[in-house]
PDB file of N, CA and C in Angstrom:
ATOM      1  N   TYR A   1     263.928  55.052 183.857  1.00  0.00           N
ATOM      2  CA  TYR A   1     262.461  55.016 183.875  1.00  0.00           C
ATOM      3  C   TYR A   1     261.929  56.413 183.617  1.00  0.00           C
ATOM      4  N   ASP A   2     260.960  56.484 182.695  1.00  0.00           N
ATOM      5  CA  ASP A   2     260.307  57.751 182.383  1.00  0.00           C
ATOM      6  C   ASP A   2     258.814  57.572 182.670  1.00  0.00           C
ATOM      7  N   GLY A   3     258.336  58.156 183.741  1.00  0.00           N
ATOM      8  CA  GLY A   3     256.936  58.013 184.138  1.00  0.00           C
ATOM      9  C   GLY A   3     255.945  58.532 183.114  1.00  0.00           C
ATOM     10  N   LYS A   4     256.396  59.374 182.189  1.00  0.00           N
ATOM     11  CA  LYS A   4     255.515  59.878 181.138  1.00  0.00           C
ATOM     12  C   LYS A   4     255.443  58.916 179.955  1.00  0.00           C
ATOM     13  N   CYS A   5     256.337  57.932 179.895  1.00  0.00           N
ATOM     14  CA  CYS A   5     256.413  56.994 178.772  1.00  0.00           C
ATOM     15  C   CYS A   5     255.488  55.803 179.031  1.00  0.00           C
ATOM     16  N   VAL A   6     254.524  55.616 178.157  1.00  0.00           N
ATOM     17  CA  VAL A   6     253.558  54.531 178.343  1.00  0.00           C
ATOM     18  C   VAL A   6     254.238  53.163 178.309  1.00  0.00           C
ATOM     19  N   PHE A   7     255.286  52.999 177.505  1.00  0.00           N
ATOM     20  CA  PHE A   7     255.958  51.701 177.456  1.00  0.00           C
ATOM     21  C   PHE A   7     256.748  51.438 178.736  1.00  0.00           C
ATOM     22  N   CYS A   8     257.300  52.474 179.359  1.00  0.00           N
ATOM     23  CA  CYS A   8     257.950  52.306 180.664  1.00  0.00           C
ATOM     24  C   CYS A   8     256.918  51.838 181.690  1.00  0.00           C
ATOM     25  N   ARG A   9     255.748  52.459 181.672  1.00  0.00           N
ATOM     26  CA  ARG A   9     254.693  52.089 182.632  1.00  0.00           C
ATOM     27  C   ARG A   9     254.207  50.667 182.377  1.00  0.00           C
ATOM     28  N   ILE A  10     254.037  50.293 181.103  1.00  0.00           N
ATOM     29  CA  ILE A  10     253.614  48.924 180.786  1.00  0.00           C
ATOM     30  C   ILE A  10     254.671  47.934 181.268  1.00  0.00           C
ATOM     31  N   ALA A  11     255.938  48.224 180.983  1.00  0.00           N
ATOM     32  CA  ALA A  11     257.032  47.325 181.361  1.00  0.00           C
ATOM     33  C   ALA A  11     257.106  47.120 182.869  1.00  0.00           C
ATOM     34  N   ARG A  12     256.685  48.104 183.628  1.00  0.00           N
ATOM     35  CA  ARG A  12     256.717  48.009 185.092  1.00  0.00           C
ATOM     36  C   ARG A  12     255.349  47.618 185.654  1.00  0.00           C
ATOM     37  N   ARG A  13     254.482  47.147 184.776  1.00  0.00           N
ATOM     38  CA  ARG A  13     253.149  46.648 185.162  1.00  0.00           C
ATOM     39  C   ARG A  13     252.306  47.706 185.851  1.00  0.00           C
ATOM     40  N   GLU A  14     252.439  48.949 185.397  1.00  0.00           N
ATOM     41  CA  GLU A  14     251.675  50.056 185.958  1.00  0.00           C
ATOM     42  C   GLU A  14     250.474  50.417 185.083  1.00  0.00           C
ATOM     43  N   GLU A  15     250.277  49.674 183.994  1.00  0.00           N
ATOM     44  CA  GLU A  15     249.133  49.892 183.099  1.00  0.00           C
ATOM     45  C   GLU A  15     248.271  48.632 183.157  1.00  0.00           C
ATOM     46  N   PRO A  16     247.271  48.589 184.056  1.00  0.00           N
ATOM     47  CA  PRO A  16     246.496  47.356 184.252  1.00  0.00           C
ATOM     48  C   PRO A  16     245.735  46.892 183.008  1.00  0.00           C
ATOM     49  N   GLY A  17     245.502  47.761 182.053  1.00  0.00           N
ATOM     50  CA  GLY A  17     244.768  47.369 180.855  1.00  0.00           C
ATOM     51  C   GLY A  17     245.609  46.623 179.835  1.00  0.00           C
ATOM     52  N   THR A  18     246.910  46.503 180.060  1.00  0.00           N
ATOM     53  CA  THR A  18     247.793  45.832 179.106  1.00  0.00           C
ATOM     54  C   THR A  18     248.311  44.537 179.711  1.00  0.00           C
ATOM     55  N   ALA A  19     247.899  43.425 179.112  1.00  0.00           N
ATOM     56  CA  ALA A  19     248.356  42.113 179.576  1.00  0.00           C
ATOM     57  C   ALA A  19     249.712  41.802 178.964  1.00  0.00           C
ATOM     58  N   LEU A  20     250.667  41.439 179.814  1.00  0.00           N
ATOM     59  CA  LEU A  20     251.977  41.042 179.326  1.00  0.00           C
ATOM     60  C   LEU A  20     251.961  39.558 178.974  1.00  0.00           C
ATOM     61  N   LEU A  21     252.627  39.245 177.879  1.00  0.00           N
ATOM     62  CA  LEU A  21     252.726  37.857 177.433  1.00  0.00           C
ATOM     63  C   LEU A  21     253.989  37.242 178.025  1.00  0.00           C
ATOM     64  N   PRO A  22     254.022  35.912 178.147  1.00  0.00           N
ATOM     65  CA  PRO A  22     255.225  35.273 178.702  1.00  0.00           C
ATOM     66  C   PRO A  22     256.471  35.653 177.896  1.00  0.00           C
ATOM     67  N   CYS A  23     257.550  35.953 178.619  1.00  0.00           N
ATOM     68  CA  CYS A  23     258.786  36.396 178.000  1.00  0.00           C
ATOM     69  C   CYS A  23     259.949  35.725 178.721  1.00  0.00           C
ATOM     70  N   GLN A  24     260.902  35.210 177.956  1.00  0.00           N
ATOM     71  CA  GLN A  24     262.005  34.458 178.558  1.00  0.00           C
ATOM     72  C   GLN A  24     263.125  35.339 179.110  1.00  0.00           C
ATOM     73  N   TYR A  25     263.037  36.644 178.950  1.00  0.00           N
ATOM     74  CA  TYR A  25     264.074  37.549 179.445  1.00  0.00           C
ATOM     75  C   TYR A  25     263.460  38.573 180.394  1.00  0.00           C
ATOM     76  N   GLU A  26     264.129  38.792 181.522  1.00  0.00           N
ATOM     77  CA  GLU A  26     263.613  39.735 182.510  1.00  0.00           C
ATOM     78  C   GLU A  26     263.746  41.189 182.081  1.00  0.00           C
ATOM     79  N   ASP A  27     264.661  41.465 181.128  1.00  0.00           N
ATOM     80  CA  ASP A  27     264.869  42.855 180.705  1.00  0.00           C
ATOM     81  C   ASP A  27     263.982  43.251 179.526  1.00  0.00           C
ATOM     82  N   LEU A  28     263.069  42.349 179.120  1.00  0.00           N
ATOM     83  CA  LEU A  28     262.144  42.627 178.009  1.00  0.00           C
ATOM     84  C   LEU A  28     260.726  42.267 178.406  1.00  0.00           C
ATOM     85  N   VAL A  29     259.764  42.945 177.791  1.00  0.00           N
ATOM     86  CA  VAL A  29     258.354  42.570 177.924  1.00  0.00           C
ATOM     87  C   VAL A  29     257.752  42.486 176.527  1.00  0.00           C
ATOM     88  N   CYS A  30     256.658  41.761 176.439  1.00  0.00           N
ATOM     89  CA  CYS A  30     255.963  41.607 175.165  1.00  0.00           C
ATOM     90  C   CYS A  30     254.463  41.724 175.414  1.00  0.00           C
ATOM     91  N   PHE A  31     253.775  42.394 174.507  1.00  0.00           N
ATOM     92  CA  PHE A  31     252.333  42.557 174.627  1.00  0.00           C
ATOM     93  C   PHE A  31     251.740  42.795 173.241  1.00  0.00           C
ATOM     94  N   ARG A  32     250.435  42.653 173.144  1.00  0.00           N
ATOM     95  CA  ARG A  32     249.738  42.861 171.871  1.00  0.00           C
ATOM     96  C   ARG A  32     249.677  44.352 171.549  1.00  0.00           C
ATOM     97  N   ASP A  33     249.806  44.671 170.265  1.00  0.00           N
ATOM     98  CA  ASP A  33     249.657  46.054 169.814  1.00  0.00           C
ATOM     99  C   ASP A  33     248.191  46.453 169.975  1.00  0.00           C
ATOM    100  N   ILE A  34     247.945  47.688 170.429  1.00  0.00           N
ATOM    101  CA  ILE A  34     246.550  48.124 170.636  1.00  0.00           C
ATOM    102  C   ILE A  34     245.822  48.367 169.324  1.00  0.00           C
ATOM    103  N   ARG A  35     246.565  48.565 168.235  1.00  0.00           N
ATOM    104  CA  ARG A  35     245.964  48.722 166.906  1.00  0.00           C
ATOM    105  C   ARG A  35     246.612  47.702 165.967  1.00  0.00           C
ATOM    106  N   PRO A  36     246.212  46.434 166.095  1.00  0.00           N
ATOM    107  CA  PRO A  36     246.876  45.389 165.310  1.00  0.00           C
ATOM    108  C   PRO A  36     246.688  45.550 163.805  1.00  0.00           C
ATOM    109  N   ASN A  37     247.760  45.291 163.079  1.00  0.00           N
ATOM    110  CA  ASN A  37     247.739  45.353 161.619  1.00  0.00           C
ATOM    111  C   ASN A  37     247.889  43.976 160.993  1.00  0.00           C
ATOM    112  N   ALA A  38     247.829  42.945 161.813  1.00  0.00           N
ATOM    113  CA  ALA A  38     247.914  41.564 161.358  1.00  0.00           C
ATOM    114  C   ALA A  38     247.244  40.700 162.428  1.00  0.00           C
ATOM    115  N   PRO A  39     246.860  39.462 162.070  1.00  0.00           N
ATOM    116  CA  PRO A  39     246.268  38.582 163.084  1.00  0.00           C
ATOM    117  C   PRO A  39     247.148  38.445 164.333  1.00  0.00           C
ATOM    118  N   HIS A  40     248.459  38.426 164.146  1.00  0.00           N
ATOM    119  CA  HIS A  40     249.407  38.438 165.257  1.00  0.00           C
ATOM    120  C   HIS A  40     250.210  39.729 165.133  1.00  0.00           C
ATOM    121  N   HIS A  41     250.048  40.647 166.067  1.00  0.00           N
ATOM    122  CA  HIS A  41     250.821  41.897 166.064  1.00  0.00           C
ATOM    123  C   HIS A  41     251.218  42.178 167.508  1.00  0.00           C
ATOM    124  N   TYR A  42     252.493  41.941 167.785  1.00  0.00           N
ATOM    125  CA  TYR A  42     253.028  42.102 169.130  1.00  0.00           C
ATOM    126  C   TYR A  42     254.114  43.164 169.139  1.00  0.00           C
ATOM    127  N   LEU A  43     254.354  43.712 170.314  1.00  0.00           N
ATOM    128  CA  LEU A  43     255.460  44.640 170.522  1.00  0.00           C
ATOM    129  C   LEU A  43     256.383  44.039 171.574  1.00  0.00           C
ATOM    130  N   VAL A  44     257.672  44.062 171.289  1.00  0.00           N
ATOM    131  CA  VAL A  44     258.678  43.612 172.248  1.00  0.00           C
ATOM    132  C   VAL A  44     259.445  44.866 172.671  1.00  0.00           C
ATOM    133  N   VAL A  45     259.489  45.103 173.989  1.00  0.00           N
ATOM    134  CA  VAL A  45     259.963  46.368 174.535  1.00  0.00           C
ATOM    135  C   VAL A  45     260.969  46.121 175.663  1.00  0.00           C
ATOM    136  N   PRO A  46     262.099  46.824 175.659  1.00  0.00           N
ATOM    137  CA  PRO A  46     263.010  46.729 176.810  1.00  0.00           C
ATOM    138  C   PRO A  46     262.356  47.352 178.046  1.00  0.00           C
ATOM    139  N   VAL A  47     262.588  46.750 179.203  1.00  0.00           N
ATOM    140  CA  VAL A  47     262.067  47.302 180.451  1.00  0.00           C
ATOM    141  C   VAL A  47     262.735  48.648 180.726  1.00  0.00           C
ATOM    142  N   GLU A  48     264.031  48.716 180.500  1.00  0.00           N
ATOM    143  CA  GLU A  48     264.766  49.969 180.681  1.00  0.00           C
ATOM    144  C   GLU A  48     264.421  50.911 179.536  1.00  0.00           C
ATOM    145  N   HIS A  49     264.179  52.172 179.865  1.00  0.00           N
ATOM    146  CA  HIS A  49     263.847  53.134 178.810  1.00  0.00           C
ATOM    147  C   HIS A  49     265.035  53.298 177.868  1.00  0.00           C
ATOM    148  N   MET A  50     264.784  53.046 176.604  1.00  0.00           N
ATOM    149  CA  MET A  50     265.784  53.248 175.558  1.00  0.00           C
ATOM    150  C   MET A  50     265.133  54.124 174.507  1.00  0.00           C
ATOM    151  N   GLY A  51     265.920  54.950 173.876  1.00  0.00           N
ATOM    152  CA  GLY A  51     265.392  55.800 172.819  1.00  0.00           C
ATOM    153  C   GLY A  51     264.957  54.972 171.613  1.00  0.00           C
ATOM    154  N   ASN A  52     264.617  55.637 170.545  1.00  0.00           N
ATOM    155  CA  ASN A  52     264.160  54.949 169.337  1.00  0.00           C
ATOM    156  C   ASN A  52     265.330  54.251 168.639  1.00  0.00           C
ATOM    157  N   CYS A  53     265.061  53.617 167.515  1.00  0.00           N
ATOM    158  CA  CYS A  53     266.084  52.812 166.834  1.00  0.00           C
ATOM    159  C   CYS A  53     267.261  53.638 166.321  1.00  0.00           C
ATOM    160  N   LYS A  54     267.092  54.952 166.165  1.00  0.00           N
ATOM    161  CA  LYS A  54     268.219  55.791 165.739  1.00  0.00           C
ATOM    162  C   LYS A  54     269.303  55.877 166.811  1.00  0.00           C
ATOM    163  N   THR A  55     268.958  55.587 168.057  1.00  0.00           N
ATOM    164  CA  THR A  55     269.925  55.677 169.148  1.00  0.00           C
ATOM    165  C   THR A  55     270.702  54.380 169.348  1.00  0.00           C
ATOM    166  N   LEU A  56     270.372  53.338 168.585  1.00  0.00           N
ATOM    167  CA  LEU A  56     271.054  52.051 168.753  1.00  0.00           C
ATOM    168  C   LEU A  56     272.512  52.141 168.320  1.00  0.00           C
ATOM    169  N   LYS A  57     273.350  51.431 169.073  1.00  0.00           N
ATOM    170  CA  LYS A  57     274.776  51.346 168.783  1.00  0.00           C
ATOM    171  C   LYS A  57     275.166  49.866 168.749  1.00  0.00           C
ATOM    172  N   SER A  58     276.386  49.587 168.387  1.00  0.00           N
ATOM    173  CA  SER A  58     276.812  48.191 168.265  1.00  0.00           C
ATOM    174  C   SER A  58     276.647  47.424 169.580  1.00  0.00           C
ATOM    175  N   GLU A  59     276.775  48.095 170.719  1.00  0.00           N
ATOM    176  CA  GLU A  59     276.619  47.376 171.987  1.00  0.00           C
ATOM    177  C   GLU A  59     275.173  46.944 172.252  1.00  0.00           C
ATOM    178  N   HIS A  60     274.229  47.443 171.456  1.00  0.00           N
ATOM    179  CA  HIS A  60     272.824  47.060 171.614  1.00  0.00           C
ATOM    180  C   HIS A  60     272.450  45.821 170.791  1.00  0.00           C
ATOM    181  N   ILE A  61     273.381  45.305 170.004  1.00  0.00           N
ATOM    182  CA  ILE A  61     273.085  44.130 169.164  1.00  0.00           C
ATOM    183  C   ILE A  61     272.527  42.968 169.997  1.00  0.00           C
ATOM    184  N   PRO A  62     273.108  42.645 171.163  1.00  0.00           N
ATOM    185  CA  PRO A  62     272.555  41.525 171.935  1.00  0.00           C
ATOM    186  C   PRO A  62     271.089  41.729 172.344  1.00  0.00           C
ATOM    187  N   ILE A  63     270.716  42.936 172.754  1.00  0.00           N
ATOM    188  CA  ILE A  63     269.318  43.141 173.167  1.00  0.00           C
ATOM    189  C   ILE A  63     268.385  43.070 171.965  1.00  0.00           C
ATOM    190  N   VAL A  64     268.804  43.576 170.819  1.00  0.00           N
ATOM    191  CA  VAL A  64     267.963  43.488 169.618  1.00  0.00           C
ATOM    192  C   VAL A  64     267.792  42.022 169.211  1.00  0.00           C
ATOM    193  N   LYS A  65     268.852  41.238 169.322  1.00  0.00           N
ATOM    194  CA  LYS A  65     268.743  39.800 169.013  1.00  0.00           C
ATOM    195  C   LYS A  65     267.775  39.115 169.970  1.00  0.00           C
ATOM    196  N   ARG A  66     267.850  39.477 171.261  1.00  0.00           N
ATOM    197  CA  ARG A  66     266.916  38.895 172.233  1.00  0.00           C
ATOM    198  C   ARG A  66     265.483  39.336 171.945  1.00  0.00           C
ATOM    199  N   MET A  67     265.310  40.584 171.513  1.00  0.00           N
ATOM    200  CA  MET A  67     263.964  41.062 171.156  1.00  0.00           C
ATOM    201  C   MET A  67     263.389  40.206 170.025  1.00  0.00           C
ATOM    202  N   MET A  68     264.217  39.885 169.034  1.00  0.00           N
ATOM    203  CA  MET A  68     263.760  39.049 167.927  1.00  0.00           C
ATOM    204  C   MET A  68     263.454  37.624 168.400  1.00  0.00           C
ATOM    205  N   GLU A  69     264.259  37.100 169.326  1.00  0.00           N
ATOM    206  CA  GLU A  69     263.986  35.772 169.895  1.00  0.00           C
ATOM    207  C   GLU A  69     262.627  35.756 170.581  1.00  0.00           C
ATOM    208  N   VAL A  70     262.349  36.812 171.357  1.00  0.00           N
ATOM    209  CA  VAL A  70     261.066  36.910 172.058  1.00  0.00           C
ATOM    210  C   VAL A  70     259.926  36.966 171.037  1.00  0.00           C
ATOM    211  N   GLY A  71     260.106  37.731 169.976  1.00  0.00           N
ATOM    212  CA  GLY A  71     259.076  37.816 168.942  1.00  0.00           C
ATOM    213  C   GLY A  71     258.767  36.460 168.346  1.00  0.00           C
ATOM    214  N   LYS A  72     259.791  35.702 167.995  1.00  0.00           N
ATOM    215  CA  LYS A  72     259.587  34.361 167.429  1.00  0.00           C
ATOM    216  C   LYS A  72     258.934  33.436 168.444  1.00  0.00           C
ATOM    217  N   SER A  73     259.380  33.539 169.686  1.00  0.00           N
ATOM    218  CA  SER A  73     258.848  32.679 170.741  1.00  0.00           C
ATOM    219  C   SER A  73     257.364  32.948 170.990  1.00  0.00           C
ATOM    220  N   VAL A  74     256.972  34.218 171.048  1.00  0.00           N
ATOM    221  CA  VAL A  74     255.560  34.537 171.304  1.00  0.00           C
ATOM    222  C   VAL A  74     254.684  34.066 170.146  1.00  0.00           C
ATOM    223  N   LEU A  75     255.193  34.151 168.927  1.00  0.00           N
ATOM    224  CA  LEU A  75     254.434  33.632 167.786  1.00  0.00           C
ATOM    225  C   LEU A  75     254.216  32.132 167.932  1.00  0.00           C
ATOM    226  N   GLN A  76     255.280  31.414 168.262  1.00  0.00           N
ATOM    227  CA  GLN A  76     255.174  29.963 168.405  1.00  0.00           C
ATOM    228  C   GLN A  76     254.240  29.588 169.549  1.00  0.00           C
ATOM    229  N   LYS A  77     254.287  30.338 170.657  1.00  0.00           N
ATOM    230  CA  LYS A  77     253.393  30.066 171.792  1.00  0.00           C
ATOM    231  C   LYS A  77     251.943  30.359 171.445  1.00  0.00           C
ATOM    232  N   ASN A  78     251.722  31.165 170.418  1.00  0.00           N
ATOM    233  CA  ASN A  78     250.362  31.487 169.969  1.00  0.00           C
ATOM    234  C   ASN A  78     250.013  30.739 168.687  1.00  0.00           C
ATOM    235  N   ASN A  79     250.629  29.569 168.533  1.00  0.00           N
ATOM    236  CA  ASN A  79     250.316  28.624 167.454  1.00  0.00           C
ATOM    237  C   ASN A  79     250.581  29.162 166.055  1.00  0.00           C
ATOM    238  N   PHE A  80     251.584  30.011 165.931  1.00  0.00           N
ATOM    239  CA  PHE A  80     252.011  30.456 164.604  1.00  0.00           C
ATOM    240  C   PHE A  80     253.420  29.928 164.402  1.00  0.00           C
ATOM    241  N   SER A  81     253.575  29.039 163.431  1.00  0.00           N
ATOM    242  CA  SER A  81     254.864  28.357 163.299  1.00  0.00           C
ATOM    243  C   SER A  81     255.634  28.689 162.022  1.00  0.00           C
ATOM    244  N   ASP A  82     254.999  29.353 161.052  1.00  0.00           N
ATOM    245  CA  ASP A  82     255.685  29.648 159.786  1.00  0.00           C
ATOM    246  C   ASP A  82     256.515  30.918 159.930  1.00  0.00           C
ATOM    247  N   LEU A  83     257.734  30.767 160.433  1.00  0.00           N
ATOM    248  CA  LEU A  83     258.574  31.936 160.699  1.00  0.00           C
ATOM    249  C   LEU A  83     259.111  32.572 159.420  1.00  0.00           C
ATOM    250  N   ASN A  84     258.788  32.004 158.264  1.00  0.00           N
ATOM    251  CA  ASN A  84     259.128  32.638 156.983  1.00  0.00           C
ATOM    252  C   ASN A  84     258.061  33.634 156.555  1.00  0.00           C
ATOM    253  N   ASP A  85     256.934  33.681 157.289  1.00  0.00           N
ATOM    254  CA  ASP A  85     255.815  34.561 156.954  1.00  0.00           C
ATOM    255  C   ASP A  85     255.621  35.599 158.064  1.00  0.00           C
ATOM    256  N   VAL A  86     256.749  36.190 158.493  1.00  0.00           N
ATOM    257  CA  VAL A  86     256.763  37.129 159.617  1.00  0.00           C
ATOM    258  C   VAL A  86     257.480  38.407 159.190  1.00  0.00           C
ATOM    259  N   ARG A  87     257.003  39.531 159.677  1.00  0.00           N
ATOM    260  CA  ARG A  87     257.697  40.815 159.472  1.00  0.00           C
ATOM    261  C   ARG A  87     258.029  41.362 160.849  1.00  0.00           C
ATOM    262  N   MET A  88     259.304  41.662 161.066  1.00  0.00           N
ATOM    263  CA  MET A  88     259.748  42.277 162.321  1.00  0.00           C
ATOM    264  C   MET A  88     260.571  43.510 161.993  1.00  0.00           C
ATOM    265  N   GLY A  89     260.382  44.564 162.771  1.00  0.00           N
ATOM    266  CA  GLY A  89     261.172  45.758 162.544  1.00  0.00           C
ATOM    267  C   GLY A  89     260.768  46.905 163.443  1.00  0.00           C
ATOM    268  N   PHE A  90     261.428  48.030 163.179  1.00  0.00           N
ATOM    269  CA  PHE A  90     261.252  49.250 163.966  1.00  0.00           C
ATOM    270  C   PHE A  90     260.798  50.389 163.063  1.00  0.00           C
ATOM    271  N   HIS A  91     259.909  51.231 163.571  1.00  0.00           N
ATOM    272  CA  HIS A  91     259.574  52.459 162.845  1.00  0.00           C
ATOM    273  C   HIS A  91     260.730  53.440 162.990  1.00  0.00           C
ATOM    274  N   TRP A  92     261.114  54.054 161.880  1.00  0.00           N
ATOM    275  CA  TRP A  92     262.216  55.002 161.825  1.00  0.00           C
ATOM    276  C   TRP A  92     261.686  56.394 162.147  1.00  0.00           C
ATOM    277  N   PRO A  93     262.309  57.107 163.087  1.00  0.00           N
ATOM    278  CA  PRO A  93     261.862  58.467 163.392  1.00  0.00           C
ATOM    279  C   PRO A  93     261.862  59.355 162.151  1.00  0.00           C
ATOM    280  N   PRO A  94     260.904  60.227 162.021  1.00  0.00           N
ATOM    281  CA  PRO A  94     259.898  60.633 163.007  1.00  0.00           C
ATOM    282  C   PRO A  94     258.617  59.817 162.935  1.00  0.00           C
ATOM    283  N   PHE A  95     258.663  58.623 162.367  1.00  0.00           N
ATOM    284  CA  PHE A  95     257.447  57.836 162.157  1.00  0.00           C
ATOM    285  C   PHE A  95     257.128  56.881 163.292  1.00  0.00           C
ATOM    286  N   CYS A  96     257.737  57.071 164.451  1.00  0.00           N
ATOM    287  CA  CYS A  96     257.373  56.240 165.606  1.00  0.00           C
ATOM    288  C   CYS A  96     256.567  57.106 166.576  1.00  0.00           C
ATOM    289  N   SER A  97     255.456  56.572 166.999  1.00  0.00           N
ATOM    290  CA  SER A  97     254.566  57.347 167.852  1.00  0.00           C
ATOM    291  C   SER A  97     255.046  57.396 169.300  1.00  0.00           C
ATOM    292  N   ILE A  98     255.878  56.446 169.707  1.00  0.00           N
ATOM    293  CA  ILE A  98     256.393  56.397 171.078  1.00  0.00           C
ATOM    294  C   ILE A  98     257.911  56.278 171.012  1.00  0.00           C
ATOM    295  N   SER A  99     258.610  57.168 171.696  1.00  0.00           N
ATOM    296  CA  SER A  99     260.074  57.185 171.665  1.00  0.00           C
ATOM    297  C   SER A  99     260.683  56.279 172.723  1.00  0.00           C
ATOM    298  N   HIS A 100     260.242  55.060 172.737  1.00  0.00           N
ATOM    299  CA  HIS A 100     260.830  54.000 173.571  1.00  0.00           C
ATOM    300  C   HIS A 100     260.996  52.838 172.604  1.00  0.00           C
ATOM    301  N   LEU A 101     262.200  52.323 172.494  1.00  0.00           N
ATOM    302  CA  LEU A 101     262.486  51.271 171.528  1.00  0.00           C
ATOM    303  C   LEU A 101     261.440  50.167 171.608  1.00  0.00           C
ATOM    304  N   HIS A 102     260.878  49.780 170.469  1.00  0.00           N
ATOM    305  CA  HIS A 102     259.920  48.680 170.432  1.00  0.00           C
ATOM    306  C   HIS A 102     259.968  47.996 169.069  1.00  0.00           C
ATOM    307  N   LEU A 103     260.044  46.678 169.125  1.00  0.00           N
ATOM    308  CA  LEU A 103     260.084  45.848 167.928  1.00  0.00           C
ATOM    309  C   LEU A 103     258.674  45.414 167.578  1.00  0.00           C
ATOM    310  N   HIS A 104     258.250  45.700 166.347  1.00  0.00           N
ATOM    311  CA  HIS A 104     256.963  45.205 165.855  1.00  0.00           C
ATOM    312  C   HIS A 104     257.160  43.791 165.336  1.00  0.00           C
ATOM    313  N   VAL A 105     256.254  42.896 165.731  1.00  0.00           N
ATOM    314  CA  VAL A 105     256.254  41.512 165.271  1.00  0.00           C
ATOM    315  C   VAL A 105     254.891  41.279 164.643  1.00  0.00           C
ATOM    316  N   LEU A 106     254.858  41.090 163.318  1.00  0.00           N
ATOM    317  CA  LEU A 106     253.596  40.935 162.594  1.00  0.00           C
ATOM    318  C   LEU A 106     253.575  39.607 161.841  1.00  0.00           C
ATOM    319  N   ALA A 107     252.450  38.894 161.952  1.00  0.00           N
ATOM    320  CA  ALA A 107     252.307  37.635 161.230  1.00  0.00           C
ATOM    321  C   ALA A 107     250.824  37.313 161.066  1.00  0.00           C
ATOM    322  N   PRO A 108     250.466  36.620 160.012  1.00  0.00           N
ATOM    323  CA  PRO A 108     251.299  36.308 158.869  1.00  0.00           C
ATOM    324  C   PRO A 108     251.508  37.546 157.984  1.00  0.00           C
ATOM    325  N   GLU A 109     252.722  37.695 157.533  1.00  0.00           N
ATOM    326  CA  GLU A 109     253.065  38.808 156.644  1.00  0.00           C
ATOM    327  C   GLU A 109     252.206  38.772 155.379  1.00  0.00           C
ATOM    328  N   SER A 110     251.918  37.572 154.921  1.00  0.00           N
ATOM    329  CA  SER A 110     251.144  37.402 153.683  1.00  0.00           C
ATOM    330  C   SER A 110     249.722  37.933 153.807  1.00  0.00           C
ATOM    331  N   GLN A 111     249.242  38.170 155.034  1.00  0.00           N
ATOM    332  CA  GLN A 111     247.884  38.679 155.224  1.00  0.00           C
ATOM    333  C   GLN A 111     247.844  40.169 155.562  1.00  0.00           C
ATOM    334  N   LEU A 112     248.985  40.852 155.470  1.00  0.00           N
ATOM    335  CA  LEU A 112     248.970  42.296 155.710  1.00  0.00           C
ATOM    336  C   LEU A 112     248.141  42.969 154.626  1.00  0.00           C
ATOM    337  N   GLY A 113     247.295  43.904 155.033  1.00  0.00           N
ATOM    338  CA  GLY A 113     246.494  44.647 154.083  1.00  0.00           C
ATOM    339  C   GLY A 113     247.332  45.655 153.318  1.00  0.00           C
ATOM    340  N   PHE A 114     246.724  46.320 152.361  1.00  0.00           N
ATOM    341  CA  PHE A 114     247.435  47.270 151.505  1.00  0.00           C
ATOM    342  C   PHE A 114     248.139  48.352 152.318  1.00  0.00           C
ATOM    343  N   LEU A 115     247.414  49.021 153.223  1.00  0.00           N
ATOM    344  CA  LEU A 115     248.024  50.091 154.022  1.00  0.00           C
ATOM    345  C   LEU A 115     249.103  49.550 154.956  1.00  0.00           C
ATOM    346  N   SER A 116     248.864  48.387 155.545  1.00  0.00           N
ATOM    347  CA  SER A 116     249.871  47.794 156.430  1.00  0.00           C
ATOM    348  C   SER A 116     251.135  47.429 155.660  1.00  0.00           C
ATOM    349  N   ARG A 117     250.984  47.000 154.421  1.00  0.00           N
ATOM    350  CA  ARG A 117     252.166  46.694 153.601  1.00  0.00           C
ATOM    351  C   ARG A 117     252.999  47.956 153.372  1.00  0.00           C
ATOM    352  N   LEU A 118     252.329  49.113 153.290  1.00  0.00           N
ATOM    353  CA  LEU A 118     253.056  50.378 153.146  1.00  0.00           C
ATOM    354  C   LEU A 118     253.703  50.795 154.461  1.00  0.00           C
ATOM    355  N   VAL A 119     252.923  50.761 155.542  1.00  0.00           N
ATOM    356  CA  VAL A 119     253.403  51.219 156.848  1.00  0.00           C
ATOM    357  C   VAL A 119     254.558  50.353 157.351  1.00  0.00           C
ATOM    358  N   TYR A 120     254.511  49.059 157.055  1.00  0.00           N
ATOM    359  CA  TYR A 120     255.539  48.120 157.523  1.00  0.00           C
ATOM    360  C   TYR A 120     256.382  47.598 156.360  1.00  0.00           C
ATOM    361  N   ARG A 121     256.598  48.444 155.364  1.00  0.00           N
ATOM    362  CA  ARG A 121     257.382  48.065 154.190  1.00  0.00           C
ATOM    363  C   ARG A 121     258.856  47.879 154.563  1.00  0.00           C
ATOM    364  N   ILE A 122     259.440  46.795 154.129  1.00  0.00           N
ATOM    365  CA  ILE A 122     260.817  46.448 154.481  1.00  0.00           C
ATOM    366  C   ILE A 122     261.782  47.558 154.068  1.00  0.00           C
ATOM    367  N   ASN A 123     262.601  47.962 155.035  1.00  0.00           N
ATOM    368  CA  ASN A 123     263.677  48.935 154.835  1.00  0.00           C
ATOM    369  C   ASN A 123     263.266  50.156 154.009  1.00  0.00           C
ATOM    370  N   SER A 124     262.134  50.712 154.411  1.00  0.00           N
ATOM    371  CA  SER A 124     261.637  51.931 153.776  1.00  0.00           C
ATOM    372  C   SER A 124     262.119  53.130 154.559  1.00  0.00           C
ATOM    373  N   TYR A 125     261.630  54.307 154.224  1.00  0.00           N
ATOM    374  CA  TYR A 125     261.997  55.517 154.951  1.00  0.00           C
ATOM    375  C   TYR A 125     261.428  55.513 156.365  1.00  0.00           C
ATOM    376  N   TRP A 126     260.433  54.701 156.613  1.00  0.00           N
ATOM    377  CA  TRP A 126     259.763  54.750 157.907  1.00  0.00           C
ATOM    378  C   TRP A 126     259.791  53.443 158.687  1.00  0.00           C
ATOM    379  N   PHE A 127     260.333  52.359 158.100  1.00  0.00           N
ATOM    380  CA  PHE A 127     260.346  51.066 158.809  1.00  0.00           C
ATOM    381  C   PHE A 127     261.609  50.303 158.419  1.00  0.00           C
ATOM    382  N   ILE A 128     262.379  49.894 159.414  1.00  0.00           N
ATOM    383  CA  ILE A 128     263.594  49.128 159.134  1.00  0.00           C
ATOM    384  C   ILE A 128     263.503  47.754 159.775  1.00  0.00           C
ATOM    385  N   THR A 129     264.031  46.779 159.066  1.00  0.00           N
ATOM    386  CA  THR A 129     263.989  45.396 159.570  1.00  0.00           C
ATOM    387  C   THR A 129     265.382  44.963 159.988  1.00  0.00           C
TER     388      THR A 129
END
């Protein structure tokens, strides 16, 4: 736990302004992005402080898979069912504003604006899926 990390505080329900969405795993939380770039823009975050995506190792594959499950589940719970029109991924350092692992879940991908298509471009220098 890092008390200076806003995602650690959100995960521990210490940020009253951030509503957590239902999540099927106790080690993850999900909430709306404060600056949404799509009609559905959620962040899935481990409760335990983890570094950015550059720190991921093969043993983290299960948690990343669960993060993606949570992303799909929250979309479905919010009446979005076309999982072929979704963009999920991580900002690649130094392009992440918070150094706590977080998965961006954006939908519908087809409605991303011009700048959002650049910022969340698949497997670019700044965003990996």
